[in-house]
């Protein structure tokens, strides 16, 4: 089966992009050439999924929000600690490099 998605053919194994007929035109989709109905149906499916995701977020916030806030705080804190550690390691490497440079310059 072939469908137009975002102005391009989306063909399954049953046909090739060159031979698929998107919409009723009998031609393959190309930039600017596609069935408007298919395009709007594709957009509507995407909008429906976005809306469902927003509704799920609201439900999760209402039922799990406080616990998820604690999880987020814990993870963000760990990430910030990791950044500090990486900065310390980077600084130590830089100091070591400078000390080595001085040693080799003395020779």
C-alpha atoms as a PDB file:
ATOM      1  CA  UNK A   1       0.000   0.000   0.000  1.00  0.00           C
ATOM      2  CA  UNK A   2       1.214   3.490  -0.821  1.00  0.00           C
ATOM      3  CA  UNK A   3       0.314   6.672   1.008  1.00  0.00           C
ATOM      4  CA  UNK A   4       1.354  10.271   0.832  1.00  0.00           C
ATOM      5  CA  UNK A   5       3.087  11.478   3.948  1.00  0.00           C
ATOM      6  CA  UNK A   6       4.490  14.981   4.171  1.00  0.00           C
ATOM      7  CA  UNK A   7       4.471  15.337   0.404  1.00  0.00           C
ATOM      8  CA  UNK A   8       6.328  12.070  -0.251  1.00  0.00           C
ATOM      9  CA  UNK A   9       5.330   8.537  -1.081  1.00  0.00           C
ATOM     10  CA  UNK A  10       5.415   6.011   1.700  1.00  0.00           C
ATOM     11  CA  UNK A  11       5.325   2.657  -0.081  1.00  0.00           C
ATOM     12  CA  UNK A  12       5.205  -0.783   1.474  1.00  0.00           C
ATOM     13  CA  UNK A  13       6.840  -3.839  -0.097  1.00  0.00           C
ATOM     14  CA  UNK A  14       3.890  -4.214  -2.465  1.00  0.00           C
ATOM     15  CA  UNK A  15       4.961  -1.362  -4.724  1.00  0.00           C
ATOM     16  CA  UNK A  16       7.866   0.873  -5.463  1.00  0.00           C
ATOM     17  CA  UNK A  17       8.037   4.627  -5.143  1.00  0.00           C
ATOM     18  CA  UNK A  18       8.189   4.911  -8.928  1.00  0.00           C
ATOM     19  CA  UNK A  19       5.015   2.890  -9.459  1.00  0.00           C
ATOM     20  CA  UNK A  20       2.862   3.848  -6.497  1.00  0.00           C
ATOM     21  CA  UNK A  21      -0.300   5.850  -6.978  1.00  0.00           C
ATOM     22  CA  UNK A  22      -0.839   8.287  -4.154  1.00  0.00           C
ATOM     23  CA  UNK A  23      -4.381   9.530  -3.979  1.00  0.00           C
ATOM     24  CA  UNK A  24      -6.525   9.156  -7.065  1.00  0.00           C
ATOM     25  CA  UNK A  25      -4.065  10.795  -9.437  1.00  0.00           C
ATOM     26  CA  UNK A  26      -2.269   7.555 -10.326  1.00  0.00           C
ATOM     27  CA  UNK A  27       1.068   9.332  -9.949  1.00  0.00           C
ATOM     28  CA  UNK A  28       3.683   9.050  -7.302  1.00  0.00           C
ATOM     29  CA  UNK A  29       3.960  11.903  -4.856  1.00  0.00           C
ATOM     30  CA  UNK A  30       6.812  14.322  -5.255  1.00  0.00           C
ATOM     31  CA  UNK A  31       7.548  17.717  -3.757  1.00  0.00           C
ATOM     32  CA  UNK A  32       4.393  19.781  -4.131  1.00  0.00           C
ATOM     33  CA  UNK A  33       2.472  16.922  -5.748  1.00  0.00           C
ATOM     34  CA  UNK A  34       0.224  15.024  -3.367  1.00  0.00           C
ATOM     35  CA  UNK A  35      -3.385  14.509  -2.454  1.00  0.00           C
ATOM     36  CA  UNK A  36      -4.504  17.319  -0.117  1.00  0.00           C
ATOM     37  CA  UNK A  37      -6.949  15.028   1.662  1.00  0.00           C
ATOM     38  CA  UNK A  38      -4.159  12.583   2.499  1.00  0.00           C
ATOM     39  CA  UNK A  39      -2.016  15.459   3.754  1.00  0.00           C
ATOM     40  CA  UNK A  40      -4.766  16.776   6.045  1.00  0.00           C
ATOM     41  CA  UNK A  41      -5.568  13.289   7.340  1.00  0.00           C
ATOM     42  CA  UNK A  42      -1.889  12.795   8.140  1.00  0.00           C
ATOM     43  CA  UNK A  43      -1.825  16.151   9.962  1.00  0.00           C
ATOM     44  CA  UNK A  44      -4.988  15.228  11.887  1.00  0.00           C
ATOM     45  CA  UNK A  45      -3.459  11.938  13.034  1.00  0.00           C
ATOM     46  CA  UNK A  46      -0.420  13.834  14.315  1.00  0.00           C
ATOM     47  CA  UNK A  47      -2.603  16.384  16.102  1.00  0.00           C
ATOM     48  CA  UNK A  48      -4.600  13.601  17.724  1.00  0.00           C
ATOM     49  CA  UNK A  49      -1.422  11.986  19.045  1.00  0.00           C
ATOM     50  CA  UNK A  50      -0.167  15.341  20.382  1.00  0.00           C
ATOM     51  CA  UNK A  51      -3.492  15.967  22.125  1.00  0.00           C
ATOM     52  CA  UNK A  52      -3.474  12.487  23.644  1.00  0.00           C
ATOM     53  CA  UNK A  53       0.067  13.058  24.890  1.00  0.00           C
ATOM     54  CA  UNK A  54      -0.974  16.356  26.516  1.00  0.00           C
ATOM     55  CA  UNK A  55      -3.923  14.654  28.230  1.00  0.00           C
ATOM     56  CA  UNK A  56      -1.662  11.896  29.512  1.00  0.00           C
ATOM     57  CA  UNK A  57       0.730  14.484  30.905  1.00  0.00           C
ATOM     58  CA  UNK A  58      -2.141  16.140  32.792  1.00  0.00           C
ATOM     59  CA  UNK A  59      -3.266  12.817  34.258  1.00  0.00           C
ATOM     60  CA  UNK A  60       0.263  11.902  35.278  1.00  0.00           C
ATOM     61  CA  UNK A  61       0.814  15.314  36.839  1.00  0.00           C
ATOM     62  CA  UNK A  62      -2.386  14.946  38.873  1.00  0.00           C
ATOM     63  CA  UNK A  63      -1.665  11.411  40.089  1.00  0.00           C
ATOM     64  CA  UNK A  64       2.126  11.147  40.121  1.00  0.00           C
ATOM     65  CA  UNK A  65       3.293  14.764  40.062  1.00  0.00           C
ATOM     66  CA  UNK A  66       4.772  14.959  43.562  1.00  0.00           C
ATOM     67  CA  UNK A  67       6.669  11.700  43.203  1.00  0.00           C
ATOM     68  CA  UNK A  68       7.920  12.616  39.728  1.00  0.00           C
ATOM     69  CA  UNK A  69       9.065  16.002  41.103  1.00  0.00           C
ATOM     70  CA  UNK A  70      11.205  14.140  43.630  1.00  0.00           C
ATOM     71  CA  UNK A  71      12.622  11.919  40.884  1.00  0.00           C
ATOM     72  CA  UNK A  72      13.365  14.960  38.708  1.00  0.00           C
ATOM     73  CA  UNK A  73      15.082  16.731  41.626  1.00  0.00           C
ATOM     74  CA  UNK A  74      17.203  13.668  42.330  1.00  0.00           C
ATOM     75  CA  UNK A  75      18.248  13.179  38.691  1.00  0.00           C
ATOM     76  CA  UNK A  76      18.960  16.866  38.064  1.00  0.00           C
ATOM     77  CA  UNK A  77      21.043  17.011  41.245  1.00  0.00           C
ATOM     78  CA  UNK A  78      23.043  13.972  40.143  1.00  0.00           C
ATOM     79  CA  UNK A  79      23.585  15.503  36.702  1.00  0.00           C
ATOM     80  CA  UNK A  80      24.828  18.771  38.197  1.00  0.00           C
ATOM     81  CA  UNK A  81      27.178  16.841  40.485  1.00  0.00           C
ATOM     82  CA  UNK A  82      28.475  14.968  37.457  1.00  0.00           C
ATOM     83  CA  UNK A  83      29.172  18.267  35.679  1.00  0.00           C
ATOM     84  CA  UNK A  84      31.098  19.509  38.715  1.00  0.00           C
ATOM     85  CA  UNK A  85      33.153  16.319  38.758  1.00  0.00           C
ATOM     86  CA  UNK A  86      33.860  16.641  35.022  1.00  0.00           C
ATOM     87  CA  UNK A  87      34.931  20.250  35.522  1.00  0.00           C
ATOM     88  CA  UNK A  88      37.242  19.189  38.378  1.00  0.00           C
ATOM     89  CA  UNK A  89      38.771  16.441  36.249  1.00  0.00           C
ATOM     90  CA  UNK A  90      39.227  18.836  33.342  1.00  0.00           C
ATOM     91  CA  UNK A  91      40.852  21.409  35.605  1.00  0.00           C
ATOM     92  CA  UNK A  92      43.157  18.779  37.133  1.00  0.00           C
ATOM     93  CA  UNK A  93      44.192  17.589  33.668  1.00  0.00           C
ATOM     94  CA  UNK A  94      44.953  21.166  32.657  1.00  0.00           C
ATOM     95  CA  UNK A  95      47.059  21.705  35.794  1.00  0.00           C
ATOM     96  CA  UNK A  96      48.922  18.447  35.160  1.00  0.00           C
ATOM     97  CA  UNK A  97      49.558  19.460  31.563  1.00  0.00           C
ATOM     98  CA  UNK A  98      50.938  22.830  32.662  1.00  0.00           C
ATOM     99  CA  UNK A  99      53.233  21.174  35.232  1.00  0.00           C
ATOM    100  CA  UNK A 100      54.505  18.741  32.613  1.00  0.00           C
ATOM    101  CA  UNK A 101      55.125  21.604  30.194  1.00  0.00           C
ATOM    102  CA  UNK A 102      57.199  23.406  32.851  1.00  0.00           C
ATOM    103  CA  UNK A 103      59.252  20.283  33.540  1.00  0.00           C
ATOM    104  CA  UNK A 104      60.013  19.805  29.844  1.00  0.00           C
ATOM    105  CA  UNK A 105      60.798  23.496  29.370  1.00  0.00           C
ATOM    106  CA  UNK A 106      63.460  23.312  32.130  1.00  0.00           C
ATOM    107  CA  UNK A 107      65.429  20.643  30.342  1.00  0.00           C
END
